[in-house]
Amino acid sequence: MGMMGSMDMKSMCDMHRNMTGSMSPSEREAMMEQRMPSMSPEMRRQHMDMMDAKCRQ
């Protein structure tokens, strides 16, 4: 979770749910590329998969 800094899990999951519910896959990819430019596309995919699993309710 170090990439997201001091954000708590609830805030991170709220942001993740908002992104996945209101953006197309290409919009999500573009936003993640902008916010996490040091991550490779594969790392960003893995991050989204991890968030999907952690934030599932």
Protein backbone atom coordinates (compact mmCIF):
# COMPACT_ATOMS: atom_id res chain seq x y z
CA MET A 1 0.00 0.00 0.00
CA GLY A 2 3.02 2.30 0.05
CA MET A 3 2.15 3.77 -3.35
CA MET A 4 -0.92 5.50 -2.02
CA GLY A 5 0.86 7.27 0.84
CA SER A 6 -1.12 7.95 3.99
CA MET A 7 -4.56 7.17 2.57
CA ASP A 8 -6.50 4.80 4.82
CA MET A 9 -8.11 1.65 3.46
CA LYS A 10 -11.67 3.00 3.59
CA SER A 11 -10.71 6.10 1.58
CA MET A 12 -8.80 3.97 -0.90
CA CYS A 13 -11.73 1.57 -1.36
CA ASP A 14 -14.16 4.49 -1.74
CA MET A 15 -11.93 5.95 -4.46
CA HIS A 16 -11.57 2.54 -6.11
CA ARG A 17 -15.35 1.94 -6.14
CA ASN A 18 -15.93 5.41 -7.56
CA MET A 19 -13.37 4.79 -10.32
CA THR A 20 -14.64 1.35 -11.26
CA GLY A 21 -18.26 2.45 -11.21
CA SER A 22 -18.01 5.68 -13.16
CA MET A 23 -15.13 5.23 -15.61
CA SER A 24 -14.58 3.09 -18.66
CA PRO A 25 -11.58 0.74 -18.56
CA SER A 26 -9.62 3.07 -20.86
CA GLU A 27 -10.42 6.08 -18.64
CA ARG A 28 -9.23 4.14 -15.56
CA GLU A 29 -6.02 3.16 -17.33
CA ALA A 30 -5.34 6.77 -18.36
CA MET A 31 -6.00 8.06 -14.83
CA MET A 32 -3.74 5.41 -13.28
CA GLU A 33 -1.02 6.17 -15.81
CA GLN A 34 -1.21 9.85 -14.86
CA ARG A 35 -1.26 9.24 -11.08
CA MET A 36 1.30 6.41 -11.03
CA PRO A 37 3.68 7.09 -13.92
CA SER A 38 6.48 5.02 -12.38
CA MET A 39 4.38 1.82 -12.49
CA SER A 40 4.42 -0.38 -15.56
CA PRO A 41 1.07 -1.25 -17.18
CA GLU A 42 1.38 -4.75 -15.70
CA MET A 43 2.01 -3.36 -12.21
CA ARG A 44 -1.01 -1.05 -12.55
CA ARG A 45 -3.17 -4.05 -13.58
CA GLN A 46 -1.94 -6.01 -10.58
CA HIS A 47 -2.68 -3.01 -8.34
CA MET A 48 -6.25 -2.79 -9.66
CA ASP A 49 -6.71 -6.55 -9.17
CA MET A 50 -5.45 -6.26 -5.59
CA MET A 51 -7.80 -3.34 -4.92
CA ASP A 52 -10.71 -5.30 -6.43
CA ALA A 53 -9.98 -8.12 -3.98
CA LYS A 54 -9.39 -5.93 -0.90
CA CYS A 55 -12.38 -3.65 -1.46
CA ARG A 56 -14.95 -6.30 -2.38
CA GLN A 57 -17.95 -6.13 -0.08
